[in-house]
């Protein structure tokens, strides 16, 4: 009696079409940021760590030598490489330092909150190094052109003295 009712079919179809959870990228970002307790000391320390890394990246990019910057980038690479192990360690000991378990099996938290900012800093430092290398290449080419012009001028001056 009720199964042939068109009203029941319409209701069951509309219930099956209801989507739960975030649908757009903006909704995903909102859901992720609302799932994190930003006042938690662990999260605040993580943010402070990233601010410190960003500060050192700027400091080393402006006043550090090549080897200092390379060592810094290698250290960042090591942290990113160890992210999976750090995620497993965090998943097993999260009660010691956090109020909730941020460490899922897929490593979404580690990827977004640890690796992405570090890779962003490395990318910025790499762009800075490429710009510096291109500027040095231009300077070397200018010096080479100036040296060839001086040689030509000396040759011409020498020929003029011989003719007089």
N, C-alpha and C. Protein backbone atom coordinates (compact mmCIF):
# COMPACT_ATOMS: atom_id res chain seq x y z
N UNK A 1 0.82 -1.19 0.00
CA UNK A 1 0.00 0.00 0.00
C UNK A 1 0.87 1.25 0.00
N UNK A 2 1.92 1.29 0.84
CA UNK A 2 2.75 2.49 0.89
C UNK A 2 3.87 2.46 -0.14
N UNK A 3 4.28 1.29 -0.58
CA UNK A 3 5.44 1.20 -1.46
C UNK A 3 5.15 1.73 -2.86
N UNK A 4 3.92 1.73 -3.31
CA UNK A 4 3.59 2.23 -4.64
C UNK A 4 3.26 3.71 -4.63
N UNK A 5 3.30 4.32 -3.49
CA UNK A 5 2.95 5.73 -3.38
C UNK A 5 4.04 6.60 -4.03
N UNK A 6 3.65 7.50 -4.96
CA UNK A 6 4.65 8.37 -5.60
C UNK A 6 5.29 9.34 -4.60
N UNK A 7 4.54 9.70 -3.56
CA UNK A 7 5.07 10.61 -2.55
C UNK A 7 6.22 9.96 -1.79
N UNK A 8 6.11 8.66 -1.49
CA UNK A 8 7.16 7.94 -0.78
C UNK A 8 8.40 7.79 -1.66
N UNK A 9 8.21 7.53 -2.95
CA UNK A 9 9.34 7.43 -3.86
C UNK A 9 10.08 8.76 -3.98
N UNK A 10 9.33 9.83 -4.06
CA UNK A 10 9.94 11.16 -4.17
C UNK A 10 10.74 11.47 -2.92
N UNK A 11 10.20 11.14 -1.76
CA UNK A 11 10.91 11.39 -0.50
C UNK A 11 12.17 10.54 -0.40
N UNK A 12 12.09 9.28 -0.78
CA UNK A 12 13.28 8.43 -0.69
C UNK A 12 14.36 8.87 -1.68
N UNK A 13 13.95 9.31 -2.86
CA UNK A 13 14.93 9.80 -3.83
C UNK A 13 15.58 11.09 -3.35
N UNK A 14 14.79 11.96 -2.74
CA UNK A 14 15.36 13.23 -2.27
C UNK A 14 16.29 12.99 -1.08
N UNK A 15 16.00 12.00 -0.27
CA UNK A 15 16.89 11.68 0.86
C UNK A 15 18.19 11.10 0.33
N UNK A 16 18.12 10.28 -0.68
CA UNK A 16 19.32 9.68 -1.26
C UNK A 16 20.21 10.71 -1.96
N UNK A 17 19.64 11.82 -2.40
CA UNK A 17 20.40 12.85 -3.09
C UNK A 17 21.02 13.88 -2.14
N UNK A 18 20.70 13.81 -0.87
CA UNK A 18 21.24 14.77 0.09
C UNK A 18 22.72 14.46 0.30
N UNK A 19 23.55 15.47 0.08
CA UNK A 19 24.98 15.29 0.25
C UNK A 19 25.40 15.90 1.58
N UNK A 20 26.21 15.16 2.29
CA UNK A 20 26.71 15.66 3.56
C UNK A 20 28.19 15.96 3.42
N UNK A 21 28.66 16.82 4.26
CA UNK A 21 30.08 17.17 4.23
C UNK A 21 30.35 18.30 3.26
N UNK A 22 31.56 18.80 3.29
CA UNK A 22 31.92 19.91 2.41
C UNK A 22 31.94 19.50 0.94
N UNK A 23 31.51 20.41 0.07
CA UNK A 23 31.44 20.12 -1.36
C UNK A 23 32.44 20.94 -2.16
N UNK A 24 32.63 22.20 -1.80
CA UNK A 24 33.54 23.07 -2.55
C UNK A 24 34.89 23.14 -1.85
N UNK A 25 35.92 23.58 -2.56
CA UNK A 25 37.24 23.74 -1.91
C UNK A 25 37.19 24.70 -0.72
N UNK A 26 36.42 25.76 -0.84
CA UNK A 26 36.28 26.70 0.27
C UNK A 26 35.66 26.04 1.49
N UNK A 27 34.65 25.20 1.27
CA UNK A 27 34.02 24.47 2.38
C UNK A 27 35.00 23.48 3.01
N UNK A 28 35.86 22.86 2.19
CA UNK A 28 36.87 21.95 2.73
C UNK A 28 37.86 22.70 3.61
N UNK A 29 38.27 23.88 3.17
CA UNK A 29 39.20 24.69 3.97
C UNK A 29 38.55 25.11 5.28
N UNK A 30 37.30 25.53 5.20
CA UNK A 30 36.58 25.91 6.42
C UNK A 30 36.45 24.74 7.37
N UNK A 31 36.11 23.57 6.85
CA UNK A 31 35.96 22.39 7.70
C UNK A 31 37.28 22.01 8.34
N UNK A 32 38.37 22.09 7.59
CA UNK A 32 39.68 21.76 8.13
C UNK A 32 40.08 22.75 9.22
N UNK A 33 39.91 24.03 8.96
CA UNK A 33 40.33 25.03 9.96
C UNK A 33 39.43 25.02 11.19
N UNK A 34 38.18 24.66 11.05
CA UNK A 34 37.31 24.60 12.23
C UNK A 34 37.55 23.33 13.05
N UNK A 35 38.15 22.32 12.43
CA UNK A 35 38.44 21.08 13.16
C UNK A 35 39.67 21.22 14.05
N UNK A 36 40.46 22.28 13.84
CA UNK A 36 41.68 22.48 14.61
C UNK A 36 41.42 23.45 15.74
N UNK A 37 41.90 23.09 16.92
CA UNK A 37 41.81 23.98 18.08
C UNK A 37 43.04 24.89 18.05
N UNK A 38 42.87 26.11 17.55
CA UNK A 38 43.98 27.02 17.34
C UNK A 38 44.57 27.55 18.64
N UNK A 39 43.88 27.38 19.75
CA UNK A 39 44.39 27.85 21.04
C UNK A 39 45.18 26.77 21.77
N UNK A 40 45.26 25.62 21.17
CA UNK A 40 46.00 24.51 21.77
C UNK A 40 47.51 24.80 21.70
N UNK A 41 48.25 24.56 22.78
CA UNK A 41 49.69 24.85 22.78
C UNK A 41 50.47 24.15 21.67
N UNK A 42 50.10 22.93 21.35
CA UNK A 42 50.78 22.20 20.27
C UNK A 42 50.65 22.94 18.95
N UNK A 43 49.46 23.39 18.63
CA UNK A 43 49.22 24.10 17.37
C UNK A 43 49.94 25.45 17.39
N UNK A 44 49.90 26.13 18.52
CA UNK A 44 50.58 27.42 18.62
C UNK A 44 52.09 27.25 18.47
N UNK A 45 52.65 26.20 19.03
CA UNK A 45 54.08 25.93 18.86
C UNK A 45 54.41 25.60 17.41
N UNK A 46 53.53 24.88 16.75
CA UNK A 46 53.74 24.55 15.34
C UNK A 46 53.72 25.82 14.49
N UNK A 47 52.79 26.71 14.75
CA UNK A 47 52.73 27.98 14.03
C UNK A 47 53.96 28.82 14.33
N UNK A 48 54.39 28.85 15.59
CA UNK A 48 55.60 29.59 15.96
C UNK A 48 56.83 29.01 15.26
N UNK A 49 56.89 27.69 15.15
CA UNK A 49 57.98 27.04 14.44
C UNK A 49 58.04 27.51 12.99
N UNK A 50 56.87 27.59 12.35
CA UNK A 50 56.84 28.01 10.95
C UNK A 50 57.21 29.49 10.81
N UNK A 51 56.81 30.31 11.75
CA UNK A 51 57.20 31.72 11.71
C UNK A 51 58.71 31.83 11.86
N UNK A 52 59.29 31.05 12.75
CA UNK A 52 60.73 31.04 12.95
C UNK A 52 61.47 30.55 11.70
N UNK A 53 60.98 29.50 11.08
CA UNK A 53 61.59 28.99 9.85
C UNK A 53 61.51 30.05 8.75
N UNK A 54 60.37 30.72 8.64
CA UNK A 54 60.21 31.77 7.63
C UNK A 54 61.17 32.92 7.89
N UNK A 55 61.34 33.31 9.15
CA UNK A 55 62.27 34.37 9.53
C UNK A 55 63.70 33.98 9.15
N UNK A 56 64.11 32.76 9.49
CA UNK A 56 65.46 32.31 9.15
C UNK A 56 65.65 32.20 7.64
N UNK A 57 64.63 31.82 6.92
CA UNK A 57 64.73 31.73 5.46
C UNK A 57 65.00 33.11 4.87
N UNK A 58 64.29 34.11 5.35
CA UNK A 58 64.53 35.48 4.88
C UNK A 58 65.93 35.94 5.28
N UNK A 59 66.31 35.66 6.51
CA UNK A 59 67.62 36.05 7.01
C UNK A 59 68.73 35.40 6.19
N UNK A 60 68.63 34.12 5.95
CA UNK A 60 69.66 33.42 5.19
C UNK A 60 69.66 33.81 3.72
N UNK A 61 68.50 34.12 3.17
CA UNK A 61 68.43 34.51 1.76
C UNK A 61 69.09 35.86 1.52
N UNK A 62 69.01 36.72 2.50
CA UNK A 62 69.59 38.06 2.33
C UNK A 62 71.05 38.14 2.75
N UNK A 63 71.40 37.51 3.87
CA UNK A 63 72.74 37.68 4.42
C UNK A 63 73.52 36.37 4.59
N UNK A 64 72.94 35.28 4.28
CA UNK A 64 73.63 34.00 4.44
C UNK A 64 74.41 33.62 3.20
N UNK A 65 75.40 32.81 3.40
CA UNK A 65 76.17 32.30 2.28
C UNK A 65 75.45 31.15 1.60
N UNK A 66 76.02 30.71 0.52
CA UNK A 66 75.42 29.62 -0.25
C UNK A 66 75.30 28.35 0.59
N UNK A 67 76.37 28.01 1.29
CA UNK A 67 76.36 26.77 2.08
C UNK A 67 75.36 26.85 3.24
N UNK A 68 75.22 28.02 3.83
CA UNK A 68 74.24 28.19 4.91
C UNK A 68 72.83 27.93 4.39
N UNK A 69 72.54 28.51 3.24
CA UNK A 69 71.20 28.32 2.65
C UNK A 69 70.97 26.87 2.24
N UNK A 70 72.00 26.24 1.69
CA UNK A 70 71.86 24.85 1.27
C UNK A 70 71.63 23.93 2.47
N UNK A 71 72.38 24.15 3.55
CA UNK A 71 72.20 23.33 4.76
C UNK A 71 70.79 23.53 5.31
N UNK A 72 70.33 24.76 5.31
CA UNK A 72 68.97 25.05 5.81
C UNK A 72 67.92 24.34 4.96
N UNK A 73 68.10 24.38 3.64
CA UNK A 73 67.14 23.71 2.77
C UNK A 73 67.21 22.19 2.93
N UNK A 74 68.39 21.64 3.15
CA UNK A 74 68.52 20.20 3.39
C UNK A 74 67.82 19.81 4.69
N UNK A 75 67.98 20.63 5.73
CA UNK A 75 67.29 20.35 7.00
C UNK A 75 65.77 20.36 6.81
N UNK A 76 65.28 21.31 6.06
CA UNK A 76 63.85 21.34 5.77
C UNK A 76 63.45 20.09 4.99
N UNK A 77 64.26 19.69 4.04
CA UNK A 77 63.98 18.47 3.27
C UNK A 77 63.96 17.23 4.14
N UNK A 78 64.84 17.19 5.13
CA UNK A 78 64.86 16.04 6.05
C UNK A 78 63.58 16.00 6.87
N UNK A 79 63.13 17.15 7.34
CA UNK A 79 61.88 17.20 8.11
C UNK A 79 60.71 16.73 7.25
N UNK A 80 60.66 17.20 6.00
CA UNK A 80 59.57 16.80 5.10
C UNK A 80 59.65 15.30 4.82
N UNK A 81 60.86 14.80 4.62
CA UNK A 81 61.04 13.36 4.35
C UNK A 81 60.61 12.50 5.53
N UNK A 82 60.82 13.01 6.74
CA UNK A 82 60.46 12.26 7.94
C UNK A 82 59.00 12.49 8.35
N UNK A 83 58.23 13.18 7.55
CA UNK A 83 56.85 13.52 7.91
C UNK A 83 56.00 12.27 8.17
N UNK A 84 56.19 11.23 7.39
CA UNK A 84 55.40 10.02 7.58
C UNK A 84 55.71 9.38 8.94
N UNK A 85 56.99 9.31 9.27
CA UNK A 85 57.37 8.75 10.57
C UNK A 85 56.91 9.64 11.71
N UNK A 86 57.03 10.95 11.53
CA UNK A 86 56.54 11.87 12.56
C UNK A 86 55.03 11.74 12.72
N UNK A 87 54.32 11.52 11.62
CA UNK A 87 52.87 11.33 11.69
C UNK A 87 52.54 10.06 12.48
N UNK A 88 53.25 8.98 12.22
CA UNK A 88 53.02 7.74 12.97
C UNK A 88 53.35 7.91 14.45
N UNK A 89 54.43 8.61 14.75
CA UNK A 89 54.79 8.87 16.13
C UNK A 89 53.74 9.74 16.81
N UNK A 90 53.27 10.76 16.11
CA UNK A 90 52.22 11.62 16.65
C UNK A 90 50.92 10.88 16.88
N UNK A 91 50.59 9.95 15.97
CA UNK A 91 49.36 9.17 16.11
C UNK A 91 49.41 8.27 17.33
N UNK A 92 50.61 7.78 17.67
CA UNK A 92 50.71 6.88 18.81
C UNK A 92 50.85 7.62 20.15
N UNK A 93 51.28 8.89 20.12
CA UNK A 93 51.52 9.62 21.37
C UNK A 93 50.80 10.96 21.45
N UNK A 94 49.72 11.15 20.72
CA UNK A 94 49.06 12.43 20.68
C UNK A 94 48.51 12.87 22.03
N UNK A 95 48.20 11.95 22.90
CA UNK A 95 47.65 12.30 24.22
C UNK A 95 48.67 13.04 25.09
N UNK A 96 49.96 12.88 24.79
CA UNK A 96 51.00 13.53 25.57
C UNK A 96 51.10 15.02 25.31
N UNK A 97 50.65 15.49 24.14
CA UNK A 97 50.87 16.89 23.79
C UNK A 97 49.67 17.58 23.15
N UNK A 98 48.58 16.88 22.88
CA UNK A 98 47.43 17.48 22.22
C UNK A 98 46.14 17.03 22.89
N UNK A 99 45.07 17.77 22.64
CA UNK A 99 43.76 17.40 23.19
C UNK A 99 42.95 16.53 22.25
N UNK A 100 43.36 16.46 20.98
CA UNK A 100 42.68 15.59 20.02
C UNK A 100 43.72 15.01 19.06
N UNK A 101 43.36 13.91 18.42
CA UNK A 101 44.27 13.23 17.51
C UNK A 101 44.19 13.87 16.13
N UNK A 102 45.21 14.62 15.78
CA UNK A 102 45.28 15.27 14.47
C UNK A 102 45.91 14.37 13.41
N UNK A 103 46.48 13.27 13.81
CA UNK A 103 47.32 12.46 12.94
C UNK A 103 46.55 11.27 12.39
N UNK A 104 45.99 11.43 11.18
CA UNK A 104 45.27 10.35 10.54
C UNK A 104 46.23 9.49 9.73
N UNK A 105 45.76 8.37 9.24
CA UNK A 105 46.61 7.43 8.50
C UNK A 105 47.10 8.02 7.19
N UNK A 106 46.33 8.90 6.58
CA UNK A 106 46.72 9.49 5.30
C UNK A 106 47.71 10.64 5.46
N UNK A 107 47.87 11.16 6.66
CA UNK A 107 48.82 12.23 6.90
C UNK A 107 48.37 13.59 6.40
N UNK A 108 47.07 13.82 6.35
CA UNK A 108 46.55 15.09 5.85
C UNK A 108 47.03 16.25 6.72
N UNK A 109 46.95 16.10 8.03
CA UNK A 109 47.38 17.17 8.94
C UNK A 109 48.86 17.46 8.75
N UNK A 110 49.69 16.43 8.70
CA UNK A 110 51.13 16.63 8.53
C UNK A 110 51.42 17.28 7.17
N UNK A 111 50.70 16.88 6.17
CA UNK A 111 50.92 17.46 4.85
C UNK A 111 50.57 18.92 4.78
N UNK A 112 49.44 19.29 5.40
CA UNK A 112 48.97 20.67 5.33
C UNK A 112 49.65 21.56 6.35
N UNK A 113 49.78 21.07 7.56
CA UNK A 113 50.28 21.93 8.65
C UNK A 113 51.79 21.88 8.84
N UNK A 114 52.46 20.89 8.32
CA UNK A 114 53.92 20.80 8.51
C UNK A 114 54.63 20.89 7.16
N UNK A 115 54.32 20.01 6.24
CA UNK A 115 55.08 19.92 4.99
C UNK A 115 54.81 21.08 4.04
N UNK A 116 53.57 21.47 3.87
CA UNK A 116 53.25 22.53 2.90
C UNK A 116 53.97 23.85 3.22
N UNK A 117 53.92 24.34 4.46
CA UNK A 117 54.66 25.58 4.74
C UNK A 117 56.17 25.44 4.55
N UNK A 118 56.72 24.28 4.92
CA UNK A 118 58.16 24.07 4.76
C UNK A 118 58.55 24.02 3.28
N UNK A 119 57.75 23.35 2.48
CA UNK A 119 58.03 23.30 1.05
C UNK A 119 57.86 24.68 0.40
N UNK A 120 56.91 25.46 0.88
CA UNK A 120 56.72 26.82 0.40
C UNK A 120 57.98 27.65 0.67
N UNK A 121 58.54 27.52 1.87
CA UNK A 121 59.76 28.25 2.23
C UNK A 121 60.92 27.79 1.34
N UNK A 122 61.05 26.48 1.14
CA UNK A 122 62.12 25.96 0.28
C UNK A 122 61.97 26.48 -1.15
N UNK A 123 60.77 26.51 -1.64
CA UNK A 123 60.51 27.01 -2.99
C UNK A 123 60.90 28.48 -3.09
N UNK A 124 60.55 29.27 -2.08
CA UNK A 124 60.93 30.69 -2.07
C UNK A 124 62.44 30.87 -2.05
N UNK A 125 63.12 30.06 -1.25
CA UNK A 125 64.58 30.14 -1.20
C UNK A 125 65.20 29.71 -2.54
N UNK A 126 64.63 28.72 -3.17
CA UNK A 126 65.12 28.26 -4.46
C UNK A 126 64.95 29.35 -5.52
N UNK A 127 63.81 30.02 -5.53
CA UNK A 127 63.58 31.12 -6.47
C UNK A 127 64.59 32.23 -6.22
N UNK A 128 64.84 32.52 -4.95
CA UNK A 128 65.83 33.54 -4.59
C UNK A 128 67.22 33.16 -5.10
N UNK A 129 67.59 31.91 -4.96
CA UNK A 129 68.90 31.45 -5.44
C UNK A 129 68.99 31.51 -6.96
N UNK A 130 67.93 31.17 -7.65
CA UNK A 130 67.93 31.24 -9.12
C UNK A 130 68.05 32.69 -9.57
N UNK A 131 67.36 33.59 -8.90
CA UNK A 131 67.46 35.02 -9.24
C UNK A 131 68.88 35.52 -9.00
N UNK A 132 69.47 35.12 -7.90
CA UNK A 132 70.85 35.52 -7.60
C UNK A 132 71.81 34.98 -8.65
N UNK A 133 71.62 33.74 -9.07
CA UNK A 133 72.48 33.14 -10.10
C UNK A 133 72.33 33.87 -11.43
N UNK A 134 71.11 34.24 -11.78
CA UNK A 134 70.92 34.97 -13.04
C UNK A 134 71.54 36.36 -12.96
N UNK A 135 71.43 37.02 -11.82
CA UNK A 135 72.08 38.33 -11.65
C UNK A 135 73.59 38.21 -11.76
N UNK A 136 74.16 37.16 -11.17
CA UNK A 136 75.61 36.94 -11.27
C UNK A 136 76.03 36.65 -12.72
N UNK A 137 75.21 35.92 -13.43
CA UNK A 137 75.50 35.62 -14.83
C UNK A 137 75.52 36.90 -15.65
N UNK A 138 74.58 37.78 -15.41
CA UNK A 138 74.54 39.07 -16.11
C UNK A 138 75.78 39.89 -15.76
N UNK A 139 76.17 39.92 -14.49
CA UNK A 139 77.36 40.67 -14.07
C UNK A 139 78.62 40.13 -14.73
N UNK A 140 78.76 38.82 -14.78
CA UNK A 140 79.94 38.22 -15.42
C UNK A 140 79.98 38.57 -16.90
N UNK A 141 78.85 38.52 -17.56
CA UNK A 141 78.80 38.85 -18.99
C UNK A 141 79.18 40.32 -19.21
N UNK A 142 78.70 41.21 -18.34
CA UNK A 142 79.06 42.63 -18.45
C UNK A 142 80.56 42.82 -18.27
N UNK A 143 81.13 42.14 -17.28
CA UNK A 143 82.57 42.25 -17.04
C UNK A 143 83.36 41.72 -18.23
N UNK A 144 82.89 40.66 -18.83
CA UNK A 144 83.57 40.09 -20.00
C UNK A 144 83.53 41.07 -21.17
N UNK A 145 82.37 41.69 -21.39
CA UNK A 145 82.25 42.66 -22.47
C UNK A 145 83.15 43.87 -22.22
N UNK A 146 83.20 44.32 -20.98
CA UNK A 146 84.08 45.45 -20.65
C UNK A 146 85.54 45.09 -20.87
N UNK A 147 85.92 43.88 -20.52
CA UNK A 147 87.31 43.45 -20.72
C UNK A 147 87.66 43.39 -22.19
N UNK A 148 86.76 42.90 -23.02
CA UNK A 148 87.04 42.85 -24.47
C UNK A 148 87.11 44.25 -25.05
N UNK A 149 86.27 45.16 -24.55
CA UNK A 149 86.33 46.54 -25.03
C UNK A 149 87.65 47.20 -24.64
N UNK A 150 88.15 46.93 -23.45
CA UNK A 150 89.43 47.49 -23.03
C UNK A 150 90.57 46.94 -23.87
N UNK A 151 90.51 45.65 -24.21
CA UNK A 151 91.55 45.05 -25.05
C UNK A 151 91.55 45.68 -26.44
N UNK A 152 90.37 45.89 -27.00
CA UNK A 152 90.28 46.52 -28.32
C UNK A 152 90.81 47.95 -28.27
N UNK A 153 90.50 48.65 -27.20
CA UNK A 153 90.96 50.04 -27.05
C UNK A 153 92.48 50.07 -26.94
N UNK A 154 93.08 49.14 -26.19
CA UNK A 154 94.53 49.07 -26.05
C UNK A 154 95.19 48.76 -27.40
N UNK A 155 94.59 47.85 -28.17
CA UNK A 155 95.13 47.53 -29.48
C UNK A 155 95.12 48.75 -30.39
N UNK A 156 93.98 49.45 -30.37
CA UNK A 156 93.86 50.64 -31.20
C UNK A 156 94.84 51.73 -30.76
N UNK A 157 95.02 51.90 -29.44
CA UNK A 157 95.96 52.89 -28.91
C UNK A 157 97.38 52.51 -29.30
N UNK A 158 97.71 51.24 -29.27
CA UNK A 158 99.03 50.77 -29.63
C UNK A 158 99.32 50.99 -31.11
N UNK A 159 98.34 50.79 -31.98
CA UNK A 159 98.51 51.00 -33.41
C UNK A 159 98.69 52.48 -33.71
N UNK A 160 97.97 53.32 -32.95
CA UNK A 160 98.10 54.76 -33.20
C UNK A 160 99.48 55.26 -32.80
N UNK A 161 100.09 54.73 -31.73
CA UNK A 161 101.42 55.15 -31.29
C UNK A 161 102.47 54.72 -32.29
N UNK A 162 102.31 53.55 -32.91
CA UNK A 162 103.26 53.05 -33.89
C UNK A 162 103.24 53.91 -35.16
N UNK A 163 102.05 54.37 -35.50
CA UNK A 163 101.91 55.18 -36.72
C UNK A 163 102.50 56.58 -36.53
N UNK A 164 102.55 57.07 -35.31
CA UNK A 164 103.07 58.43 -35.08
C UNK A 164 104.52 58.38 -34.96
